[in-house]
């Protein structure tokens, strides 16, 4: 039986993914409902489910390999979490003050190849 932390992580993950999954699943259900046959809808939902399940199955199969590879990473965990928090605060302040737009413009003028992404 999973412990409370596992349930909490699972619940947080589910809540976090709801805005991502909901619109896509809604679009697939809407598309499925417009077709005259149920087979098309089943095919859409099967493809969606497979696409959603494969990354989770892959991560479940290789989690132990991943843990062994990044065991050395744990000693830097506290420092990296503090640094990541600082970066989030700085970026939040930049967005709040409007400096993020200036930074993005500077990045695009300095590194024009970034304009090809997204």
PDB file of N, CA and C in Angstrom:
ATOM      1  N   UNK A   1       0.850  -1.188   0.000  1.00  0.00           N
ATOM      2  CA  UNK A   1       0.000   0.000   0.000  1.00  0.00           C
ATOM      3  C   UNK A   1       0.890   1.243   0.000  1.00  0.00           C
ATOM      4  N   UNK A   2       0.685   2.157  -0.938  1.00  0.00           N
ATOM      5  CA  UNK A   2       1.497   3.375  -0.986  1.00  0.00           C
ATOM      6  C   UNK A   2       1.290   4.235   0.255  1.00  0.00           C
ATOM      7  N   UNK A   3       2.331   4.948   0.634  1.00  0.00           N
ATOM      8  CA  UNK A   3       2.240   5.813   1.801  1.00  0.00           C
ATOM      9  C   UNK A   3       1.563   7.140   1.433  1.00  0.00           C
ATOM     10  N   UNK A   4       1.396   7.980   2.428  1.00  0.00           N
ATOM     11  CA  UNK A   4       0.683   9.242   2.238  1.00  0.00           C
ATOM     12  C   UNK A   4       1.417  10.167   1.283  1.00  0.00           C
ATOM     13  N   UNK A   5       2.754  10.172   1.308  1.00  0.00           N
ATOM     14  CA  UNK A   5       3.515  11.032   0.409  1.00  0.00           C
ATOM     15  C   UNK A   5       3.285  10.641  -1.049  1.00  0.00           C
ATOM     16  N   UNK A   6       3.207   9.351  -1.308  1.00  0.00           N
ATOM     17  CA  UNK A   6       2.968   8.885  -2.670  1.00  0.00           C
ATOM     18  C   UNK A   6       1.588   9.325  -3.144  1.00  0.00           C
ATOM     19  N   UNK A   7       0.601   9.202  -2.273  1.00  0.00           N
ATOM     20  CA  UNK A   7      -0.743   9.656  -2.629  1.00  0.00           C
ATOM     21  C   UNK A   7      -0.742  11.162  -2.884  1.00  0.00           C
ATOM     22  N   UNK A   8      -0.026  11.915  -2.054  1.00  0.00           N
ATOM     23  CA  UNK A   8       0.029  13.369  -2.220  1.00  0.00           C
ATOM     24  C   UNK A   8       0.689  13.765  -3.530  1.00  0.00           C
ATOM     25  N   UNK A   9       1.777  13.083  -3.879  1.00  0.00           N
ATOM     26  CA  UNK A   9       2.450  13.379  -5.144  1.00  0.00           C
ATOM     27  C   UNK A   9       1.535  13.032  -6.314  1.00  0.00           C
ATOM     28  N   UNK A  10       0.862  11.906  -6.226  1.00  0.00           N
ATOM     29  CA  UNK A  10      -0.067  11.517  -7.288  1.00  0.00           C
ATOM     30  C   UNK A  10      -1.208  12.506  -7.446  1.00  0.00           C
ATOM     31  N   UNK A  11      -1.749  12.971  -6.334  1.00  0.00           N
ATOM     32  CA  UNK A  11      -2.848  13.938  -6.386  1.00  0.00           C
ATOM     33  C   UNK A  11      -2.372  15.265  -6.965  1.00  0.00           C
ATOM     34  N   UNK A  12      -1.185  15.717  -6.554  1.00  0.00           N
ATOM     35  CA  UNK A  12      -0.644  16.967  -7.090  1.00  0.00           C
ATOM     36  C   UNK A  12      -0.389  16.842  -8.589  1.00  0.00           C
ATOM     37  N   UNK A  13       0.115  15.696  -9.002  1.00  0.00           N
ATOM     38  CA  UNK A  13       0.357  15.457 -10.421  1.00  0.00           C
ATOM     39  C   UNK A  13      -0.951  15.480 -11.205  1.00  0.00           C
ATOM     40  N   UNK A  14      -1.972  14.835 -10.674  1.00  0.00           N
ATOM     41  CA  UNK A  14      -3.268  14.795 -11.349  1.00  0.00           C
ATOM     42  C   UNK A  14      -3.877  16.191 -11.448  1.00  0.00           C
ATOM     43  N   UNK A  15      -3.784  16.959 -10.374  1.00  0.00           N
ATOM     44  CA  UNK A  15      -4.334  18.319 -10.379  1.00  0.00           C
ATOM     45  C   UNK A  15      -3.556  19.188 -11.356  1.00  0.00           C
ATOM     46  N   UNK A  16      -2.239  19.013 -11.395  1.00  0.00           N
ATOM     47  CA  UNK A  16      -1.417  19.806 -12.303  1.00  0.00           C
ATOM     48  C   UNK A  16      -1.656  19.488 -13.762  1.00  0.00           C
ATOM     49  N   UNK A  17      -1.990  18.243 -14.061  1.00  0.00           N
ATOM     50  CA  UNK A  17      -2.190  17.848 -15.450  1.00  0.00           C
ATOM     51  C   UNK A  17      -3.605  18.095 -15.953  1.00  0.00           C
ATOM     52  N   UNK A  18      -4.532  18.361 -15.073  1.00  0.00           N
ATOM     53  CA  UNK A  18      -5.919  18.543 -15.490  1.00  0.00           C
ATOM     54  C   UNK A  18      -6.076  19.641 -16.540  1.00  0.00           C
ATOM     55  N   UNK A  19      -5.457  20.812 -16.400  1.00  0.00           N
ATOM     56  CA  UNK A  19      -5.612  21.831 -17.454  1.00  0.00           C
ATOM     57  C   UNK A  19      -4.995  21.415 -18.783  1.00  0.00           C
ATOM     58  N   UNK A  20      -4.009  20.540 -18.753  1.00  0.00           N
ATOM     59  CA  UNK A  20      -3.377  20.090 -19.995  1.00  0.00           C
ATOM     60  C   UNK A  20      -4.199  19.009 -20.677  1.00  0.00           C
ATOM     61  N   UNK A  21      -4.708  18.090 -19.893  1.00  0.00           N
ATOM     62  CA  UNK A  21      -5.410  16.945 -20.459  1.00  0.00           C
ATOM     63  C   UNK A  21      -6.852  17.283 -20.803  1.00  0.00           C
ATOM     64  N   UNK A  22      -7.500  18.075 -19.987  1.00  0.00           N
ATOM     65  CA  UNK A  22      -8.921  18.365 -20.169  1.00  0.00           C
ATOM     66  C   UNK A  22      -9.294  18.883 -21.545  1.00  0.00           C
ATOM     67  N   UNK A  23      -8.667  19.944 -22.042  1.00  0.00           N
ATOM     68  CA  UNK A  23      -9.061  20.456 -23.362  1.00  0.00           C
ATOM     69  C   UNK A  23      -8.805  19.463 -24.493  1.00  0.00           C
ATOM     70  N   UNK A  24      -7.716  18.726 -24.415  1.00  0.00           N
ATOM     71  CA  UNK A  24      -7.409  17.762 -25.470  1.00  0.00           C
ATOM     72  C   UNK A  24      -8.419  16.621 -25.446  1.00  0.00           C
ATOM     73  N   UNK A  25      -8.678  16.107 -24.259  1.00  0.00           N
ATOM     74  CA  UNK A  25      -9.660  15.027 -24.151  1.00  0.00           C
ATOM     75  C   UNK A  25     -11.039  15.518 -24.572  1.00  0.00           C
ATOM     76  N   UNK A  26     -11.388  16.737 -24.202  1.00  0.00           N
ATOM     77  CA  UNK A  26     -12.671  17.305 -24.621  1.00  0.00           C
ATOM     78  C   UNK A  26     -12.771  17.424 -26.140  1.00  0.00           C
ATOM     79  N   UNK A  27     -11.684  17.840 -26.781  1.00  0.00           N
ATOM     80  CA  UNK A  27     -11.682  17.950 -28.244  1.00  0.00           C
ATOM     81  C   UNK A  27     -11.821  16.575 -28.892  1.00  0.00           C
ATOM     82  N   UNK A  28     -11.147  15.580 -28.333  1.00  0.00           N
ATOM     83  CA  UNK A  28     -11.250  14.227 -28.885  1.00  0.00           C
ATOM     84  C   UNK A  28     -12.666  13.695 -28.713  1.00  0.00           C
ATOM     85  N   UNK A  29     -13.262  13.913 -27.556  1.00  0.00           N
ATOM     86  CA  UNK A  29     -14.647  13.463 -27.336  1.00  0.00           C
ATOM     87  C   UNK A  29     -15.617  14.191 -28.259  1.00  0.00           C
ATOM     88  N   UNK A  30     -15.392  15.490 -28.464  1.00  0.00           N
ATOM     89  CA  UNK A  30     -16.266  16.242 -29.368  1.00  0.00           C
ATOM     90  C   UNK A  30     -16.122  15.738 -30.798  1.00  0.00           C
ATOM     91  N   UNK A  31     -14.879  15.479 -31.217  1.00  0.00           N
ATOM     92  CA  UNK A  31     -14.653  14.951 -32.559  1.00  0.00           C
ATOM     93  C   UNK A  31     -15.269  13.569 -32.711  1.00  0.00           C
ATOM     94  N   UNK A  32     -15.136  12.757 -31.678  1.00  0.00           N
ATOM     95  CA  UNK A  32     -15.713  11.411 -31.716  1.00  0.00           C
ATOM     96  C   UNK A  32     -17.229  11.453 -31.810  1.00  0.00           C
ATOM     97  N   UNK A  33     -17.838  12.425 -31.163  1.00  0.00           N
ATOM     98  CA  UNK A  33     -19.304  12.479 -31.162  1.00  0.00           C
ATOM     99  C   UNK A  33     -19.872  12.917 -32.503  1.00  0.00           C
ATOM    100  N   UNK A  34     -19.060  13.545 -33.346  1.00  0.00           N
ATOM    101  CA  UNK A  34     -19.569  13.990 -34.639  1.00  0.00           C
ATOM    102  C   UNK A  34     -19.517  12.895 -35.694  1.00  0.00           C
ATOM    103  N   UNK A  35     -18.782  11.820 -35.428  1.00  0.00           N
ATOM    104  CA  UNK A  35     -18.723  10.717 -36.384  1.00  0.00           C
ATOM    105  C   UNK A  35     -19.921   9.800 -36.187  1.00  0.00           C
ATOM    106  N   UNK A  36     -20.346   9.195 -37.276  1.00  0.00           N
ATOM    107  CA  UNK A  36     -21.531   8.339 -37.227  1.00  0.00           C
ATOM    108  C   UNK A  36     -21.262   6.993 -36.570  1.00  0.00           C
ATOM    109  N   UNK A  37     -20.008   6.550 -36.598  1.00  0.00           N
ATOM    110  CA  UNK A  37     -19.736   5.220 -36.035  1.00  0.00           C
ATOM    111  C   UNK A  37     -18.894   5.318 -34.773  1.00  0.00           C
ATOM    112  N   UNK A  38     -19.071   4.360 -33.914  1.00  0.00           N
ATOM    113  CA  UNK A  38     -18.361   4.326 -32.640  1.00  0.00           C
ATOM    114  C   UNK A  38     -16.907   3.894 -32.822  1.00  0.00           C
ATOM    115  N   UNK A  39     -16.602   3.207 -33.917  1.00  0.00           N
ATOM    116  CA  UNK A  39     -15.234   2.717 -34.128  1.00  0.00           C
ATOM    117  C   UNK A  39     -14.239   3.864 -34.246  1.00  0.00           C
ATOM    118  N   UNK A  40     -14.635   4.940 -34.927  1.00  0.00           N
ATOM    119  CA  UNK A  40     -13.738   6.089 -35.070  1.00  0.00           C
ATOM    120  C   UNK A  40     -13.444   6.708 -33.708  1.00  0.00           C
ATOM    121  N   UNK A  41     -14.479   6.866 -32.898  1.00  0.00           N
ATOM    122  CA  UNK A  41     -14.285   7.410 -31.559  1.00  0.00           C
ATOM    123  C   UNK A  41     -13.397   6.524 -30.709  1.00  0.00           C
ATOM    124  N   UNK A  42     -13.590   5.214 -30.834  1.00  0.00           N
ATOM    125  CA  UNK A  42     -12.747   4.284 -30.076  1.00  0.00           C
ATOM    126  C   UNK A  42     -11.303   4.367 -30.543  1.00  0.00           C
ATOM    127  N   UNK A  43     -11.096   4.549 -31.826  1.00  0.00           N
ATOM    128  CA  UNK A  43      -9.742   4.671 -32.362  1.00  0.00           C
ATOM    129  C   UNK A  43      -9.067   5.941 -31.851  1.00  0.00           C
ATOM    130  N   UNK A  44      -9.785   7.055 -31.855  1.00  0.00           N
ATOM    131  CA  UNK A  44      -9.241   8.316 -31.332  1.00  0.00           C
ATOM    132  C   UNK A  44      -8.861   8.190 -29.857  1.00  0.00           C
ATOM    133  N   UNK A  45      -9.768   7.618 -29.077  1.00  0.00           N
ATOM    134  CA  UNK A  45      -9.511   7.481 -27.641  1.00  0.00           C
ATOM    135  C   UNK A  45      -8.392   6.480 -27.358  1.00  0.00           C
ATOM    136  N   UNK A  46      -8.299   5.427 -28.170  1.00  0.00           N
ATOM    137  CA  UNK A  46      -7.210   4.460 -27.992  1.00  0.00           C
ATOM    138  C   UNK A  46      -5.864   5.106 -28.297  1.00  0.00           C
ATOM    139  N   UNK A  47      -5.805   5.896 -29.367  1.00  0.00           N
ATOM    140  CA  UNK A  47      -4.554   6.584 -29.706  1.00  0.00           C
ATOM    141  C   UNK A  47      -4.179   7.588 -28.616  1.00  0.00           C
ATOM    142  N   UNK A  48      -5.159   8.311 -28.116  1.00  0.00           N
ATOM    143  CA  UNK A  48      -4.929   9.266 -27.034  1.00  0.00           C
ATOM    144  C   UNK A  48      -4.424   8.552 -25.784  1.00  0.00           C
ATOM    145  N   UNK A  49      -5.061   7.453 -25.419  1.00  0.00           N
ATOM    146  CA  UNK A  49      -4.663   6.705 -24.224  1.00  0.00           C
ATOM    147  C   UNK A  49      -3.266   6.125 -24.373  1.00  0.00           C
ATOM    148  N   UNK A  50      -2.966   5.611 -25.560  1.00  0.00           N
ATOM    149  CA  UNK A  50      -1.641   5.057 -25.795  1.00  0.00           C
ATOM    150  C   UNK A  50      -0.575   6.148 -25.709  1.00  0.00           C
ATOM    151  N   UNK A  51      -0.851   7.285 -26.314  1.00  0.00           N
ATOM    152  CA  UNK A  51       0.096   8.400 -26.254  1.00  0.00           C
ATOM    153  C   UNK A  51       0.296   8.919 -24.842  1.00  0.00           C
ATOM    154  N   UNK A  52      -0.732   8.837 -24.036  1.00  0.00           N
ATOM    155  CA  UNK A  52      -0.632   9.273 -22.644  1.00  0.00           C
ATOM    156  C   UNK A  52       0.077   8.238 -21.788  1.00  0.00           C
ATOM    157  N   UNK A  53      -0.127   6.956 -22.095  1.00  0.00           N
ATOM    158  CA  UNK A  53       0.410   5.888 -21.258  1.00  0.00           C
ATOM    159  C   UNK A  53       1.879   5.575 -21.530  1.00  0.00           C
ATOM    160  N   UNK A  54       2.316   5.692 -22.768  1.00  0.00           N
ATOM    161  CA  UNK A  54       3.685   5.277 -23.114  1.00  0.00           C
ATOM    162  C   UNK A  54       4.778   5.980 -22.303  1.00  0.00           C
ATOM    163  N   UNK A  55       4.731   7.300 -22.120  1.00  0.00           N
ATOM    164  CA  UNK A  55       5.774   7.923 -21.292  1.00  0.00           C
ATOM    165  C   UNK A  55       5.778   7.418 -19.847  1.00  0.00           C
ATOM    166  N   UNK A  56       4.600   7.150 -19.301  1.00  0.00           N
ATOM    167  CA  UNK A  56       4.530   6.651 -17.931  1.00  0.00           C
ATOM    168  C   UNK A  56       5.046   5.219 -17.835  1.00  0.00           C
ATOM    169  N   UNK A  57       4.701   4.395 -18.807  1.00  0.00           N
ATOM    170  CA  UNK A  57       5.208   3.030 -18.804  1.00  0.00           C
ATOM    171  C   UNK A  57       6.725   3.016 -18.982  1.00  0.00           C
ATOM    172  N   UNK A  58       7.229   3.850 -19.869  1.00  0.00           N
ATOM    173  CA  UNK A  58       8.679   3.942 -20.059  1.00  0.00           C
ATOM    174  C   UNK A  58       9.395   4.407 -18.811  1.00  0.00           C
ATOM    175  N   UNK A  59       8.837   5.411 -18.146  1.00  0.00           N
ATOM    176  CA  UNK A  59       9.483   5.888 -16.925  1.00  0.00           C
ATOM    177  C   UNK A  59       9.403   4.840 -15.819  1.00  0.00           C
ATOM    178  N   UNK A  60       8.325   4.073 -15.764  1.00  0.00           N
ATOM    179  CA  UNK A  60       8.222   3.011 -14.758  1.00  0.00           C
ATOM    180  C   UNK A  60       9.241   1.903 -15.018  1.00  0.00           C
ATOM    181  N   UNK A  61       9.466   1.593 -16.281  1.00  0.00           N
ATOM    182  CA  UNK A  61      10.428   0.542 -16.614  1.00  0.00           C
ATOM    183  C   UNK A  61      11.869   0.950 -16.324  1.00  0.00           C
ATOM    184  N   UNK A  62      12.175   2.234 -16.492  1.00  0.00           N
ATOM    185  CA  UNK A  62      13.563   2.678 -16.366  1.00  0.00           C
ATOM    186  C   UNK A  62      13.841   3.506 -15.121  1.00  0.00           C
ATOM    187  N   UNK A  63      12.933   3.504 -14.146  1.00  0.00           N
ATOM    188  CA  UNK A  63      13.119   4.345 -12.962  1.00  0.00           C
ATOM    189  C   UNK A  63      14.324   3.917 -12.138  1.00  0.00           C
ATOM    190  N   UNK A  64      14.556   2.630 -12.015  1.00  0.00           N
ATOM    191  CA  UNK A  64      15.696   2.180 -11.214  1.00  0.00           C
ATOM    192  C   UNK A  64      17.013   2.531 -11.902  1.00  0.00           C
ATOM    193  N   UNK A  65      17.054   2.395 -13.193  1.00  0.00           N
ATOM    194  CA  UNK A  65      18.242   2.792 -13.958  1.00  0.00           C
ATOM    195  C   UNK A  65      18.494   4.288 -13.777  1.00  0.00           C
ATOM    196  N   UNK A  66      17.425   5.080 -13.830  1.00  0.00           N
ATOM    197  CA  UNK A  66      17.532   6.517 -13.648  1.00  0.00           C
ATOM    198  C   UNK A  66      18.038   6.853 -12.243  1.00  0.00           C
ATOM    199  N   UNK A  67      17.522   6.169 -11.238  1.00  0.00           N
ATOM    200  CA  UNK A  67      17.943   6.422  -9.859  1.00  0.00           C
ATOM    201  C   UNK A  67      19.437   6.154  -9.667  1.00  0.00           C
ATOM    202  N   UNK A  68      19.919   5.078 -10.263  1.00  0.00           N
ATOM    203  CA  UNK A  68      21.338   4.753 -10.134  1.00  0.00           C
ATOM    204  C   UNK A  68      22.206   5.796 -10.833  1.00  0.00           C
ATOM    205  N   UNK A  69      21.740   6.282 -11.955  1.00  0.00           N
ATOM    206  CA  UNK A  69      22.519   7.262 -12.717  1.00  0.00           C
ATOM    207  C   UNK A  69      22.620   8.615 -12.014  1.00  0.00           C
ATOM    208  N   UNK A  70      21.585   9.021 -11.304  1.00  0.00           N
ATOM    209  CA  UNK A  70      21.580  10.358 -10.711  1.00  0.00           C
ATOM    210  C   UNK A  70      21.752  10.347  -9.196  1.00  0.00           C
ATOM    211  N   UNK A  71      22.254   9.264  -8.665  1.00  0.00           N
ATOM    212  CA  UNK A  71      22.458   9.196  -7.215  1.00  0.00           C
ATOM    213  C   UNK A  71      23.441  10.275  -6.751  1.00  0.00           C
ATOM    214  N   UNK A  72      24.446  10.555  -7.577  1.00  0.00           N
ATOM    215  CA  UNK A  72      25.431  11.570  -7.234  1.00  0.00           C
ATOM    216  C   UNK A  72      24.815  12.962  -7.185  1.00  0.00           C
ATOM    217  N   UNK A  73      23.688  13.127  -7.863  1.00  0.00           N
ATOM    218  CA  UNK A  73      23.024  14.413  -7.966  1.00  0.00           C
ATOM    219  C   UNK A  73      22.434  14.872  -6.631  1.00  0.00           C
ATOM    220  N   UNK A  74      22.167  13.945  -5.740  1.00  0.00           N
ATOM    221  CA  UNK A  74      21.479  14.284  -4.491  1.00  0.00           C
ATOM    222  C   UNK A  74      22.292  15.214  -3.601  1.00  0.00           C
ATOM    223  N   UNK A  75      23.615  15.148  -3.686  1.00  0.00           N
ATOM    224  CA  UNK A  75      24.412  16.042  -2.831  1.00  0.00           C
ATOM    225  C   UNK A  75      24.276  17.503  -3.229  1.00  0.00           C
ATOM    226  N   UNK A  76      23.884  17.759  -4.482  1.00  0.00           N
ATOM    227  CA  UNK A  76      23.714  19.132  -4.963  1.00  0.00           C
ATOM    228  C   UNK A  76      22.252  19.572  -4.903  1.00  0.00           C
ATOM    229  N   UNK A  77      21.378  18.712  -4.434  1.00  0.00           N
ATOM    230  CA  UNK A  77      19.948  18.968  -4.472  1.00  0.00           C
ATOM    231  C   UNK A  77      19.553  20.239  -3.720  1.00  0.00           C
ATOM    232  N   UNK A  78      20.050  20.416  -2.534  1.00  0.00           N
ATOM    233  CA  UNK A  78      19.664  21.581  -1.730  1.00  0.00           C
ATOM    234  C   UNK A  78      20.098  22.883  -2.396  1.00  0.00           C
ATOM    235  N   UNK A  79      21.312  22.914  -2.897  1.00  0.00           N
ATOM    236  CA  UNK A  79      21.825  24.110  -3.572  1.00  0.00           C
ATOM    237  C   UNK A  79      21.026  24.401  -4.847  1.00  0.00           C
ATOM    238  N   UNK A  80      20.717  23.366  -5.608  1.00  0.00           N
ATOM    239  CA  UNK A  80      19.961  23.560  -6.851  1.00  0.00           C
ATOM    240  C   UNK A  80      18.533  24.013  -6.587  1.00  0.00           C
ATOM    241  N   UNK A  81      17.926  23.507  -5.526  1.00  0.00           N
ATOM    242  CA  UNK A  81      16.573  23.954  -5.182  1.00  0.00           C
ATOM    243  C   UNK A  81      16.573  25.428  -4.788  1.00  0.00           C
ATOM    244  N   UNK A  82      17.582  25.847  -4.021  1.00  0.00           N
ATOM    245  CA  UNK A  82      17.684  27.253  -3.637  1.00  0.00           C
ATOM    246  C   UNK A  82      17.914  28.130  -4.869  1.00  0.00           C
ATOM    247  N   UNK A  83      18.792  27.696  -5.754  1.00  0.00           N
ATOM    248  CA  UNK A  83      19.062  28.453  -6.976  1.00  0.00           C
ATOM    249  C   UNK A  83      17.818  28.526  -7.862  1.00  0.00           C
ATOM    250  N   UNK A  84      17.103  27.420  -7.991  1.00  0.00           N
ATOM    251  CA  UNK A  84      15.881  27.401  -8.803  1.00  0.00           C
ATOM    252  C   UNK A  84      14.829  28.334  -8.225  1.00  0.00           C
ATOM    253  N   UNK A  85      14.692  28.342  -6.914  1.00  0.00           N
ATOM    254  CA  UNK A  85      13.753  29.252  -6.267  1.00  0.00           C
ATOM    255  C   UNK A  85      14.119  30.702  -6.517  1.00  0.00           C
ATOM    256  N   UNK A  86      15.406  31.008  -6.448  1.00  0.00           N
ATOM    257  CA  UNK A  86      15.866  32.370  -6.715  1.00  0.00           C
ATOM    258  C   UNK A  86      15.564  32.773  -8.160  1.00  0.00           C
ATOM    259  N   UNK A  87      15.814  31.872  -9.093  1.00  0.00           N
ATOM    260  CA  UNK A  87      15.517  32.161 -10.503  1.00  0.00           C
ATOM    261  C   UNK A  87      14.022  32.416 -10.682  1.00  0.00           C
ATOM    262  N   UNK A  88      13.158  31.625 -10.035  1.00  0.00           N
ATOM    263  CA  UNK A  88      11.715  31.839 -10.146  1.00  0.00           C
ATOM    264  C   UNK A  88      11.292  33.193  -9.584  1.00  0.00           C
ATOM    265  N   UNK A  89      11.870  33.579  -8.460  1.00  0.00           N
ATOM    266  CA  UNK A  89      11.529  34.873  -7.867  1.00  0.00           C
ATOM    267  C   UNK A  89      11.985  36.005  -8.782  1.00  0.00           C
ATOM    268  N   UNK A  90      13.213  35.914  -9.297  1.00  0.00           N
ATOM    269  CA  UNK A  90      13.729  36.958 -10.193  1.00  0.00           C
ATOM    270  C   UNK A  90      12.876  37.055 -11.455  1.00  0.00           C
ATOM    271  N   UNK A  91      12.527  35.912 -12.037  1.00  0.00           N
ATOM    272  CA  UNK A  91      11.698  35.948 -13.245  1.00  0.00           C
ATOM    273  C   UNK A  91      10.301  36.487 -12.949  1.00  0.00           C
ATOM    274  N   UNK A  92       9.749  36.148 -11.805  1.00  0.00           N
ATOM    275  CA  UNK A  92       8.452  36.696 -11.428  1.00  0.00           C
ATOM    276  C   UNK A  92       8.499  38.203 -11.289  1.00  0.00           C
ATOM    277  N   UNK A  93       9.563  38.711 -10.675  1.00  0.00           N
ATOM    278  CA  UNK A  93       9.721  40.169 -10.558  1.00  0.00           C
ATOM    279  C   UNK A  93       9.906  40.815 -11.921  1.00  0.00           C
ATOM    280  N   UNK A  94      10.637  40.139 -12.806  1.00  0.00           N
ATOM    281  CA  UNK A  94      10.825  40.675 -14.160  1.00  0.00           C
ATOM    282  C   UNK A  94       9.500  40.743 -14.918  1.00  0.00           C
ATOM    283  N   UNK A  95       8.664  39.726 -14.771  1.00  0.00           N
ATOM    284  CA  UNK A  95       7.355  39.738 -15.421  1.00  0.00           C
ATOM    285  C   UNK A  95       6.499  40.849 -14.817  1.00  0.00           C
ATOM    286  N   UNK A  96       6.539  40.984 -13.501  1.00  0.00           N
ATOM    287  CA  UNK A  96       5.735  41.985 -12.810  1.00  0.00           C
ATOM    288  C   UNK A  96       6.122  43.402 -13.210  1.00  0.00           C
ATOM    289  N   UNK A  97       7.408  43.646 -13.397  1.00  0.00           N
ATOM    290  CA  UNK A  97       7.879  44.999 -13.718  1.00  0.00           C
ATOM    291  C   UNK A  97       7.975  45.260 -15.214  1.00  0.00           C
ATOM    292  N   UNK A  98       7.769  44.249 -16.051  1.00  0.00           N
ATOM    293  CA  UNK A  98       7.840  44.436 -17.492  1.00  0.00           C
ATOM    294  C   UNK A  98       9.227  44.253 -18.076  1.00  0.00           C
ATOM    295  N   UNK A  99      10.194  43.885 -17.251  1.00  0.00           N
ATOM    296  CA  UNK A  99      11.550  43.694 -17.747  1.00  0.00           C
ATOM    297  C   UNK A  99      11.737  42.369 -18.483  1.00  0.00           C
ATOM    298  N   UNK A 100      10.811  41.463 -18.337  1.00  0.00           N
ATOM    299  CA  UNK A 100      10.929  40.190 -19.031  1.00  0.00           C
ATOM    300  C   UNK A 100      10.825  40.398 -20.548  1.00  0.00           C
ATOM    301  N   UNK A 101       9.970  41.310 -20.969  1.00  0.00           N
ATOM    302  CA  UNK A 101       9.847  41.621 -22.393  1.00  0.00           C
ATOM    303  C   UNK A 101      11.145  42.194 -22.929  1.00  0.00           C
ATOM    304  N   UNK A 102      11.767  43.078 -22.167  1.00  0.00           N
ATOM    305  CA  UNK A 102      13.055  43.634 -22.582  1.00  0.00           C
ATOM    306  C   UNK A 102      14.124  42.549 -22.664  1.00  0.00           C
ATOM    307  N   UNK A 103      14.114  41.647 -21.700  1.00  0.00           N
ATOM    308  CA  UNK A 103      15.074  40.550 -21.699  1.00  0.00           C
ATOM    309  C   UNK A 103      14.847  39.636 -22.902  1.00  0.00           C
ATOM    310  N   UNK A 104      13.591  39.333 -23.202  1.00  0.00           N
ATOM    311  CA  UNK A 104      13.285  38.482 -24.360  1.00  0.00           C
ATOM    312  C   UNK A 104      13.719  39.153 -25.655  1.00  0.00           C
ATOM    313  N   UNK A 105      13.512  40.453 -25.772  1.00  0.00           N
ATOM    314  CA  UNK A 105      13.956  41.187 -26.961  1.00  0.00           C
ATOM    315  C   UNK A 105      15.467  41.161 -27.084  1.00  0.00           C
ATOM    316  N   UNK A 106      16.149  41.341 -25.969  1.00  0.00           N
ATOM    317  CA  UNK A 106      17.614  41.285 -25.985  1.00  0.00           C
ATOM    318  C   UNK A 106      18.101  39.888 -26.388  1.00  0.00           C
ATOM    319  N   UNK A 107      17.468  38.857 -25.850  1.00  0.00           N
ATOM    320  CA  UNK A 107      17.863  37.492 -26.203  1.00  0.00           C
ATOM    321  C   UNK A 107      17.677  37.228 -27.700  1.00  0.00           C
ATOM    322  N   UNK A 108      16.562  37.700 -28.275  1.00  0.00           N
ATOM    323  CA  UNK A 108      16.316  37.485 -29.700  1.00  0.00           C
ATOM    324  C   UNK A 108      17.286  38.263 -30.574  1.00  0.00           C
ATOM    325  N   UNK A 109      17.663  39.465 -30.142  1.00  0.00           N
ATOM    326  CA  UNK A 109      18.625  40.227 -30.942  1.00  0.00           C
ATOM    327  C   UNK A 109      20.036  39.669 -30.799  1.00  0.00           C
ATOM    328  N   UNK A 110      20.372  39.124 -29.640  1.00  0.00           N
ATOM    329  CA  UNK A 110      21.706  38.550 -29.422  1.00  0.00           C
ATOM    330  C   UNK A 110      21.826  37.156 -30.028  1.00  0.00           C
ATOM    331  N   UNK A 111      20.775  36.359 -29.895  1.00  0.00           N
ATOM    332  CA  UNK A 111      20.761  34.997 -30.407  1.00  0.00           C
ATOM    333  C   UNK A 111      19.576  34.823 -31.356  1.00  0.00           C
ATOM    334  N   UNK A 112      19.695  35.258 -32.608  1.00  0.00           N
ATOM    335  CA  UNK A 112      18.554  35.194 -33.522  1.00  0.00           C
ATOM    336  C   UNK A 112      18.030  33.796 -33.787  1.00  0.00           C
ATOM    337  N   UNK A 113      18.849  32.772 -33.575  1.00  0.00           N
ATOM    338  CA  UNK A 113      18.395  31.408 -33.801  1.00  0.00           C
ATOM    339  C   UNK A 113      17.241  31.039 -32.860  1.00  0.00           C
ATOM    340  N   UNK A 114      17.123  31.710 -31.727  1.00  0.00           N
ATOM    341  CA  UNK A 114      16.031  31.435 -30.782  1.00  0.00           C
ATOM    342  C   UNK A 114      14.670  31.786 -31.366  1.00  0.00           C
ATOM    343  N   UNK A 115      14.638  32.667 -32.363  1.00  0.00           N
ATOM    344  CA  UNK A 115      13.378  33.041 -32.987  1.00  0.00           C
ATOM    345  C   UNK A 115      12.762  31.910 -33.798  1.00  0.00           C
ATOM    346  N   UNK A 116      13.531  30.884 -34.109  1.00  0.00           N
ATOM    347  CA  UNK A 116      13.016  29.750 -34.891  1.00  0.00           C
ATOM    348  C   UNK A 116      12.265  28.745 -34.018  1.00  0.00           C
ATOM    349  N   UNK A 117      12.469  28.796 -32.711  1.00  0.00           N
ATOM    350  CA  UNK A 117      11.795  27.856 -31.818  1.00  0.00           C
ATOM    351  C   UNK A 117      10.394  28.349 -31.507  1.00  0.00           C
ATOM    352  N   UNK A 118       9.471  27.413 -31.392  1.00  0.00           N
ATOM    353  CA  UNK A 118       8.113  27.759 -30.978  1.00  0.00           C
ATOM    354  C   UNK A 118       7.414  28.443 -32.057  1.00  0.00           C
TER     355      UNK A 118
END
